[in-house]
C-alpha atoms as a PDB file:
ATOM      1  CA  MET A   1      44.662 -24.571   1.254  1.00  0.00           C
ATOM      2  CA  ILE A   2      43.406 -21.195   2.610  1.00  0.00           C
ATOM      3  CA  ARG A   3      46.904 -19.759   2.238  1.00  0.00           C
ATOM      4  CA  PHE A   4      46.965 -20.964  -1.366  1.00  0.00           C
ATOM      5  CA  ALA A   5      43.532 -19.469  -2.114  1.00  0.00           C
ATOM      6  CA  THR A   6      44.412 -16.224  -0.316  1.00  0.00           C
ATOM      7  CA  SER A   7      47.514 -15.656  -2.375  1.00  0.00           C
ATOM      8  CA  THR A   8      45.531 -16.360  -5.545  1.00  0.00           C
ATOM      9  CA  ALA A   9      42.785 -13.954  -4.555  1.00  0.00           C
ATOM     10  CA  LEU A  10      45.330 -11.299  -3.631  1.00  0.00           C
ATOM     11  CA  ALA A  11      47.068 -11.697  -6.961  1.00  0.00           C
ATOM     12  CA  LEU A  12      43.789 -11.233  -8.789  1.00  0.00           C
ATOM     13  CA  CYS A  13      42.966  -8.124  -6.820  1.00  0.00           C
ATOM     14  CA  LEU A  14      46.363  -6.527  -7.185  1.00  0.00           C
ATOM     15  CA  ALA A  15      46.077  -6.973 -10.925  1.00  0.00           C
ATOM     16  CA  ALA A  16      43.756  -3.976 -10.830  1.00  0.00           C
ATOM     17  CA  PRO A  17      45.804  -0.712 -10.572  1.00  0.00           C
ATOM     18  CA  SER A  18      43.431   0.846  -8.073  1.00  0.00           C
ATOM     19  CA  VAL A  19      43.866  -1.891  -5.422  1.00  0.00           C
ATOM     20  CA  SER A  20      46.864  -2.406  -3.142  1.00  0.00           C
ATOM     21  CA  ALA A  21      47.524  -4.931  -0.398  1.00  0.00           C
ATOM     22  CA  GLU A  22      47.380  -2.124   2.189  1.00  0.00           C
ATOM     23  CA  ASP A  23      43.844  -1.248   1.068  1.00  0.00           C
ATOM     24  CA  LEU A  24      42.491  -4.699   1.934  1.00  0.00           C
ATOM     25  CA  SER A  25      41.144  -5.338   5.417  1.00  0.00           C
ATOM     26  CA  ARG A  26      41.088  -8.815   6.874  1.00  0.00           C
ATOM     27  CA  ALA A  27      37.333  -9.072   6.276  1.00  0.00           C
ATOM     28  CA  GLN A  28      37.747  -7.952   2.692  1.00  0.00           C
ATOM     29  CA  MET A  29      40.529 -10.452   2.185  1.00  0.00           C
ATOM     30  CA  GLN A  30      38.372 -13.294   3.487  1.00  0.00           C
ATOM     31  CA  GLU A  31      35.520 -12.220   1.254  1.00  0.00           C
ATOM     32  CA  LEU A  32      37.852 -12.135  -1.736  1.00  0.00           C
ATOM     33  CA  VAL A  33      39.051 -15.646  -0.915  1.00  0.00           C
ATOM     34  CA  LEU A  34      35.477 -16.943  -0.748  1.00  0.00           C
ATOM     35  CA  GLU A  35      34.528 -15.139  -3.929  1.00  0.00           C
ATOM     36  CA  THR A  36      37.562 -16.506  -5.716  1.00  0.00           C
ATOM     37  CA  ILE A  37      36.708 -20.049  -4.598  1.00  0.00           C
ATOM     38  CA  ARG A  38      33.067 -19.631  -5.669  1.00  0.00           C
ATOM     39  CA  GLU A  39      34.079 -18.371  -9.088  1.00  0.00           C
ATOM     40  CA  ASN A  40      37.019 -20.767  -9.495  1.00  0.00           C
ATOM     41  CA  PRO A  41      36.153 -23.981  -7.559  1.00  0.00           C
ATOM     42  CA  GLU A  42      38.861 -25.833  -9.447  1.00  0.00           C
ATOM     43  CA  ILE A  43      41.401 -23.939  -7.327  1.00  0.00           C
ATOM     44  CA  VAL A  44      40.392 -25.982  -4.280  1.00  0.00           C
ATOM     45  CA  MET A  45      40.672 -29.274  -6.157  1.00  0.00           C
ATOM     46  CA  GLU A  46      44.059 -28.316  -7.588  1.00  0.00           C
ATOM     47  CA  ALA A  47      45.308 -27.360  -4.138  1.00  0.00           C
ATOM     48  CA  LEU A  48      44.094 -30.636  -2.617  1.00  0.00           C
ATOM     49  CA  GLN A  49      45.654 -32.656  -5.423  1.00  0.00           C
ATOM     50  CA  THR A  50      48.940 -30.813  -4.986  1.00  0.00           C
ATOM     51  CA  LEU A  51      48.949 -31.422  -1.239  1.00  0.00           C
ATOM     52  CA  GLN A  52      48.040 -35.094  -1.697  1.00  0.00           C
ATOM     53  CA  ALA A  53      50.777 -35.643  -4.282  1.00  0.00           C
ATOM     54  CA  ARG A  54      53.307 -33.933  -2.035  1.00  0.00           C
ATOM     55  CA  LYS A  55      52.273 -36.052   0.958  1.00  0.00           C
ATOM     56  CA  GLU A  56      52.515 -39.269  -1.071  1.00  0.00           C
ATOM     57  CA  GLN A  57      56.010 -38.331  -2.227  1.00  0.00           C
ATOM     58  CA  GLU A  58      57.082 -37.510   1.319  1.00  0.00           C
ATOM     59  CA  ASP A  59      55.575 -40.751   2.671  1.00  0.00           C
ATOM     60  CA  ALA A  60      57.279 -42.812  -0.033  1.00  0.00           C
ATOM     61  CA  ALA A  61      60.634 -41.184   0.652  1.00  0.00           C
ATOM     62  CA  GLN A  62      60.226 -41.735   4.385  1.00  0.00           C
ATOM     63  CA  ALA A  63      59.296 -45.400   3.842  1.00  0.00           C
ATOM     64  CA  GLN A  64      62.347 -45.966   1.665  1.00  0.00           C
ATOM     65  CA  SER A  65      64.581 -44.372   4.262  1.00  0.00           C
ATOM     66  CA  VAL A  66      63.150 -46.542   7.045  1.00  0.00           C
ATOM     67  CA  LEU A  67      63.384 -49.704   4.934  1.00  0.00           C
ATOM     68  CA  SER A  68      67.022 -48.990   4.113  1.00  0.00           C
ATOM     69  CA  ALA A  69      67.880 -48.279   7.746  1.00  0.00           C
ATOM     70  CA  ASN A  70      66.220 -51.506   8.924  1.00  0.00           C
ATOM     71  CA  ARG A  71      67.080 -53.794   6.018  1.00  0.00           C
ATOM     72  CA  ALA A  72      69.438 -56.012   7.983  1.00  0.00           C
ATOM     73  CA  VAL A  73      67.075 -56.710  10.869  1.00  0.00           C
ATOM     74  CA  LEU A  74      64.090 -57.105   8.541  1.00  0.00           C
ATOM     75  CA  GLU A  75      65.715 -59.671   6.290  1.00  0.00           C
ATOM     76  CA  ARG A  76      68.551 -61.217   8.311  1.00  0.00           C
ATOM     77  CA  ASP A  77      67.498 -61.197  11.950  1.00  0.00           C
ATOM     78  CA  PRO A  78      68.850 -64.507  13.315  1.00  0.00           C
ATOM     79  CA  ASN A  79      65.999 -64.464  15.844  1.00  0.00           C
ATOM     80  CA  ALA A  80      63.292 -64.608  13.167  1.00  0.00           C
ATOM     81  CA  PRO A  81      62.033 -67.923  11.729  1.00  0.00           C
ATOM     82  CA  VAL A  82      62.435 -68.407   7.990  1.00  0.00           C
ATOM     83  CA  LEU A  83      60.195 -70.539   5.795  1.00  0.00           C
ATOM     84  CA  GLY A  84      60.982 -71.624   2.274  1.00  0.00           C
ATOM     85  CA  ASN A  85      64.569 -71.615   1.050  1.00  0.00           C
ATOM     86  CA  PRO A  86      66.900 -70.133   3.734  1.00  0.00           C
ATOM     87  CA  ASP A  87      69.387 -69.322   0.956  1.00  0.00           C
ATOM     88  CA  GLY A  88      66.808 -67.972  -1.500  1.00  0.00           C
ATOM     89  CA  ASP A  89      67.658 -65.042  -3.745  1.00  0.00           C
ATOM     90  CA  VAL A  90      64.482 -63.123  -2.823  1.00  0.00           C
ATOM     91  CA  THR A  91      63.409 -62.331   0.739  1.00  0.00           C
ATOM     92  CA  VAL A  92      59.828 -61.602   1.734  1.00  0.00           C
ATOM     93  CA  VAL A  93      58.951 -60.426   5.240  1.00  0.00           C
ATOM     94  CA  GLU A  94      55.495 -61.079   6.706  1.00  0.00           C
ATOM     95  CA  PHE A  95      54.056 -59.487   9.848  1.00  0.00           C
ATOM     96  CA  PHE A  96      51.085 -61.492  11.101  1.00  0.00           C
ATOM     97  CA  ASP A  97      48.786 -62.447  13.968  1.00  0.00           C
ATOM     98  CA  TYR A  98      47.343 -65.950  14.418  1.00  0.00           C
ATOM     99  CA  ASN A  99      43.911 -64.505  15.193  1.00  0.00           C
ATOM    100  CA  CYS A 100      43.838 -62.276  12.121  1.00  0.00           C
ATOM    101  CA  GLY A 101      41.300 -63.533   9.610  1.00  0.00           C
ATOM    102  CA  TYR A 102      43.107 -61.829   6.744  1.00  0.00           C
ATOM    103  CA  CYS A 103      46.370 -63.502   7.774  1.00  0.00           C
ATOM    104  CA  ARG A 104      44.643 -66.866   7.619  1.00  0.00           C
ATOM    105  CA  ARG A 105      43.212 -65.950   4.234  1.00  0.00           C
ATOM    106  CA  THR A 106      46.673 -65.235   2.830  1.00  0.00           C
ATOM    107  CA  PHE A 107      48.284 -68.260   4.495  1.00  0.00           C
ATOM    108  CA  ASP A 108      47.557 -70.582   1.566  1.00  0.00           C
ATOM    109  CA  ASP A 109      48.954 -68.018  -0.886  1.00  0.00           C
ATOM    110  CA  VAL A 110      52.179 -67.651   1.102  1.00  0.00           C
ATOM    111  CA  HIS A 111      52.413 -71.435   1.271  1.00  0.00           C
ATOM    112  CA  ALA A 112      51.829 -71.661  -2.492  1.00  0.00           C
ATOM    113  CA  LEU A 113      54.476 -69.008  -3.168  1.00  0.00           C
ATOM    114  CA  ILE A 114      57.046 -71.061  -1.270  1.00  0.00           C
ATOM    115  CA  ARG A 115      55.919 -74.238  -3.006  1.00  0.00           C
ATOM    116  CA  ASP A 116      55.962 -72.763  -6.526  1.00  0.00           C
ATOM    117  CA  ASP A 117      59.179 -70.771  -6.168  1.00  0.00           C
ATOM    118  CA  THR A 118      61.879 -72.747  -4.416  1.00  0.00           C
ATOM    119  CA  ASN A 119      64.222 -69.759  -4.388  1.00  0.00           C
ATOM    120  CA  VAL A 120      62.130 -67.563  -2.098  1.00  0.00           C
ATOM    121  CA  ARG A 121      62.727 -67.169   1.631  1.00  0.00           C
ATOM    122  CA  VAL A 122      59.961 -65.805   3.864  1.00  0.00           C
ATOM    123  CA  VAL A 123      60.917 -64.181   7.151  1.00  0.00           C
ATOM    124  CA  MET A 124      58.155 -64.646   9.720  1.00  0.00           C
ATOM    125  CA  ARG A 125      57.586 -61.736  12.062  1.00  0.00           C
ATOM    126  CA  GLU A 126      55.217 -62.602  14.871  1.00  0.00           C
ATOM    127  CA  TRP A 127      53.222 -59.446  15.596  1.00  0.00           C
ATOM    128  CA  PRO A 128      50.413 -60.321  18.043  1.00  0.00           C
ATOM    129  CA  ILE A 129      48.160 -57.274  18.108  1.00  0.00           C
ATOM    130  CA  LEU A 130      44.741 -58.842  18.679  1.00  0.00           C
ATOM    131  CA  GLY A 131      44.831 -59.420  22.404  1.00  0.00           C
ATOM    132  CA  GLU A 132      46.436 -61.626  25.024  1.00  0.00           C
ATOM    133  CA  GLU A 133      45.380 -64.827  23.275  1.00  0.00           C
ATOM    134  CA  SER A 134      47.349 -63.758  20.216  1.00  0.00           C
ATOM    135  CA  VAL A 135      50.347 -62.993  22.406  1.00  0.00           C
ATOM    136  CA  TYR A 136      50.102 -66.468  23.955  1.00  0.00           C
ATOM    137  CA  ALA A 137      49.958 -68.107  20.523  1.00  0.00           C
ATOM    138  CA  ALA A 138      52.921 -66.093  19.212  1.00  0.00           C
ATOM    139  CA  ARG A 139      55.051 -66.896  22.252  1.00  0.00           C
ATOM    140  CA  ALA A 140      54.207 -70.589  21.929  1.00  0.00           C
ATOM    141  CA  ALA A 141      55.030 -70.634  18.231  1.00  0.00           C
ATOM    142  CA  LEU A 142      58.389 -68.975  18.846  1.00  0.00           C
ATOM    143  CA  ALA A 143      59.075 -71.328  21.757  1.00  0.00           C
ATOM    144  CA  SER A 144      58.385 -74.327  19.523  1.00  0.00           C
ATOM    145  CA  ARG A 145      61.652 -73.581  17.707  1.00  0.00           C
ATOM    146  CA  SER A 146      63.602 -75.209  20.516  1.00  0.00           C
ATOM    147  CA  GLN A 147      61.831 -78.487  19.667  1.00  0.00           C
ATOM    148  CA  GLY A 148      62.259 -78.069  15.925  1.00  0.00           C
ATOM    149  CA  LYS A 149      58.514 -77.649  15.386  1.00  0.00           C
ATOM    150  CA  TYR A 150      58.059 -74.050  14.296  1.00  0.00           C
ATOM    151  CA  GLU A 151      56.857 -74.616  10.741  1.00  0.00           C
ATOM    152  CA  ALA A 152      54.485 -77.420  11.712  1.00  0.00           C
ATOM    153  CA  PHE A 153      53.207 -75.402  14.675  1.00  0.00           C
ATOM    154  CA  HIS A 154      52.767 -72.273  12.567  1.00  0.00           C
ATOM    155  CA  ASN A 155      50.885 -74.168   9.865  1.00  0.00           C
ATOM    156  CA  ALA A 156      48.604 -75.835  12.398  1.00  0.00           C
ATOM    157  CA  LEU A 157      47.767 -72.551  14.106  1.00  0.00           C
ATOM    158  CA  MET A 158      46.978 -70.905  10.779  1.00  0.00           C
ATOM    159  CA  ARG A 159      44.721 -73.789   9.768  1.00  0.00           C
ATOM    160  CA  ASN A 160      43.034 -73.957  13.160  1.00  0.00           C
ATOM    161  CA  GLU A 161      39.302 -73.323  12.690  1.00  0.00           C
ATOM    162  CA  GLY A 162      38.747 -71.674  16.045  1.00  0.00           C
ATOM    163  CA  ARG A 163      40.465 -68.842  17.801  1.00  0.00           C
ATOM    164  CA  ALA A 164      44.097 -69.268  18.781  1.00  0.00           C
ATOM    165  CA  ASN A 165      44.148 -69.325  22.574  1.00  0.00           C
ATOM    166  CA  GLU A 166      45.765 -71.309  25.367  1.00  0.00           C
ATOM    167  CA  ALA A 167      43.462 -74.312  24.905  1.00  0.00           C
ATOM    168  CA  SER A 168      43.952 -74.601  21.152  1.00  0.00           C
ATOM    169  CA  VAL A 169      47.683 -73.919  21.411  1.00  0.00           C
ATOM    170  CA  ILE A 170      48.206 -76.718  23.926  1.00  0.00           C
ATOM    171  CA  ARG A 171      45.987 -79.082  21.948  1.00  0.00           C
ATOM    172  CA  ILE A 172      48.003 -78.459  18.772  1.00  0.00           C
ATOM    173  CA  ALA A 173      51.269 -78.903  20.655  1.00  0.00           C
ATOM    174  CA  GLU A 174      50.050 -82.245  22.000  1.00  0.00           C
ATOM    175  CA  GLU A 175      48.986 -83.342  18.522  1.00  0.00           C
ATOM    176  CA  LEU A 176      52.484 -82.532  17.285  1.00  0.00           C
ATOM    177  CA  GLY A 177      53.989 -84.659  20.045  1.00  0.00           C
ATOM    178  CA  MET A 178      55.686 -81.778  21.795  1.00  0.00           C
ATOM    179  CA  ASP A 179      56.937 -81.620  25.364  1.00  0.00           C
ATOM    180  CA  ILE A 180      54.287 -79.329  26.873  1.00  0.00           C
ATOM    181  CA  GLU A 181      56.198 -78.418  30.017  1.00  0.00           C
ATOM    182  CA  LYS A 182      59.272 -77.492  28.014  1.00  0.00           C
ATOM    183  CA  LEU A 183      57.115 -75.462  25.638  1.00  0.00           C
ATOM    184  CA  LYS A 184      55.650 -73.471  28.515  1.00  0.00           C
ATOM    185  CA  GLN A 185      59.079 -72.810  29.991  1.00  0.00           C
ATOM    186  CA  ASP A 186      60.503 -71.747  26.635  1.00  0.00           C
ATOM    187  CA  MET A 187      57.658 -69.278  26.090  1.00  0.00           C
ATOM    188  CA  ASP A 188      59.398 -66.992  28.605  1.00  0.00           C
ATOM    189  CA  ALA A 189      62.808 -67.273  26.976  1.00  0.00           C
ATOM    190  CA  PRO A 190      64.604 -63.960  26.270  1.00  0.00           C
ATOM    191  CA  GLU A 191      64.716 -64.647  22.542  1.00  0.00           C
ATOM    192  CA  VAL A 192      60.923 -65.029  22.440  1.00  0.00           C
ATOM    193  CA  VAL A 193      60.399 -61.694  24.166  1.00  0.00           C
ATOM    194  CA  ALA A 194      63.054 -60.062  21.991  1.00  0.00           C
ATOM    195  CA  HIS A 195      61.437 -61.234  18.755  1.00  0.00           C
ATOM    196  CA  ILE A 196      58.061 -59.708  19.625  1.00  0.00           C
ATOM    197  CA  GLN A 197      59.652 -56.488  20.854  1.00  0.00           C
ATOM    198  CA  THR A 198      61.620 -56.188  17.612  1.00  0.00           C
ATOM    199  CA  SER A 199      58.437 -56.715  15.598  1.00  0.00           C
ATOM    200  CA  ILE A 200      56.744 -53.900  17.500  1.00  0.00           C
ATOM    201  CA  GLN A 201      59.704 -51.572  16.946  1.00  0.00           C
ATOM    202  CA  LEU A 202      59.808 -52.346  13.220  1.00  0.00           C
ATOM    203  CA  THR A 203      56.093 -51.825  12.692  1.00  0.00           C
ATOM    204  CA  ARG A 204      56.245 -48.491  14.478  1.00  0.00           C
ATOM    205  CA  ALA A 205      59.181 -47.386  12.350  1.00  0.00           C
ATOM    206  CA  LEU A 206      57.431 -48.527   9.171  1.00  0.00           C
ATOM    207  CA  ASP A 207      54.094 -47.039  10.285  1.00  0.00           C
ATOM    208  CA  LEU A 208      52.250 -50.316   9.738  1.00  0.00           C
ATOM    209  CA  ASN A 209      48.670 -50.277  10.967  1.00  0.00           C
ATOM    210  CA  GLY A 210      47.504 -53.892  10.823  1.00  0.00           C
ATOM    211  CA  THR A 211      48.067 -57.460   9.808  1.00  0.00           C
ATOM    212  CA  PRO A 212      49.016 -58.959   7.524  1.00  0.00           C
ATOM    213  CA  ALA A 213      51.738 -56.687   6.196  1.00  0.00           C
ATOM    214  CA  PHE A 214      54.422 -57.754   3.729  1.00  0.00           C
ATOM    215  CA  ILE A 215      57.777 -56.324   2.734  1.00  0.00           C
ATOM    216  CA  PHE A 216      58.946 -57.200  -0.779  1.00  0.00           C
ATOM    217  CA  GLY A 217      62.329 -55.600  -1.282  1.00  0.00           C
ATOM    218  CA  ASP A 218      61.701 -51.851  -1.315  1.00  0.00           C
ATOM    219  CA  GLN A 219      57.924 -52.167  -1.337  1.00  0.00           C
ATOM    220  CA  ILE A 220      55.514 -52.324   1.575  1.00  0.00           C
ATOM    221  CA  ALA A 221      52.406 -54.339   0.731  1.00  0.00           C
ATOM    222  CA  PRO A 222      49.812 -54.009   3.498  1.00  0.00           C
ATOM    223  CA  GLY A 223      46.752 -56.211   3.640  1.00  0.00           C
ATOM    224  CA  ALA A 224      45.669 -59.561   2.270  1.00  0.00           C
ATOM    225  CA  ILE A 225      47.402 -59.613  -1.104  1.00  0.00           C
ATOM    226  CA  GLU A 226      46.887 -62.572  -3.425  1.00  0.00           C
ATOM    227  CA  LEU A 227      49.320 -65.067  -4.893  1.00  0.00           C
ATOM    228  CA  ASP A 228      49.536 -63.432  -8.342  1.00  0.00           C
ATOM    229  CA  GLN A 229      50.492 -60.119  -6.776  1.00  0.00           C
ATOM    230  CA  MET A 230      53.079 -61.829  -4.578  1.00  0.00           C
ATOM    231  CA  LYS A 231      54.652 -63.455  -7.614  1.00  0.00           C
ATOM    232  CA  ASP A 232      54.678 -60.143  -9.500  1.00  0.00           C
ATOM    233  CA  LEU A 233      56.460 -58.440  -6.601  1.00  0.00           C
ATOM    234  CA  VAL A 234      59.018 -61.246  -6.413  1.00  0.00           C
ATOM    235  CA  ALA A 235      59.619 -60.921 -10.169  1.00  0.00           C
ATOM    236  CA  GLN A 236      60.142 -57.155  -9.794  1.00  0.00           C
ATOM    237  CA  ILE A 237      62.801 -57.743  -7.136  1.00  0.00           C
ATOM    238  CA  ARG A 238      64.654 -60.123  -9.423  1.00  0.00           C
ATOM    239  CA  GLU A 239      64.396 -57.758 -12.381  1.00  0.00           C
ATOM    240  CA  ALA A 240      65.812 -54.936 -10.279  1.00  0.00           C
ATOM    241  CA  GLY A 241      68.814 -57.165  -9.572  1.00  0.00           C
END
């Protein structure tokens, strides 16, 4: 911004025949910059707007590049659970934490999206970022796949009124009629560890800062978006072909 204002001030000064760049000391230059800003405050706003627009363009280009490079693992990772229609024509990716209040808030909307549009597949990316209890819940949910209980387990954890922790996880598993000892053993399985590690790598690459976070085609939708917005994003993917 200072460089921008300095060049502007210098240009104004040099417009006068009696002033050359060599005649200006550093102190005089700084004073000219300040005077120019005082007399033309819009210069600062224009510079900030230009920088902001440039940053947004660069961020968008970077995001598109990262999405393209990671498309296969985002949408087709065989180690990621899929809800909805496994063969759906539109893929949505959700990064979530069972102890995230916003994730719980959007749970019903994700469920409604799957219910209302039977041609959508939702890739579930367990991303436990809210402490060890969240890690325990994510590992248990992923381990429940070996007993064919992931969707039921996931739904129960999201609807759980209290915090997801070891006690609530085991209680829910018992209510679902699961083999608790097998569940605990499977929580340490390589594929469970790999899933969480992949989620961490993806979120770092995509520069995601919190849960929930959704990927709809070429768009990153951070935060607790609502059902209408989800449906609009799905429609845009289909329109784009």
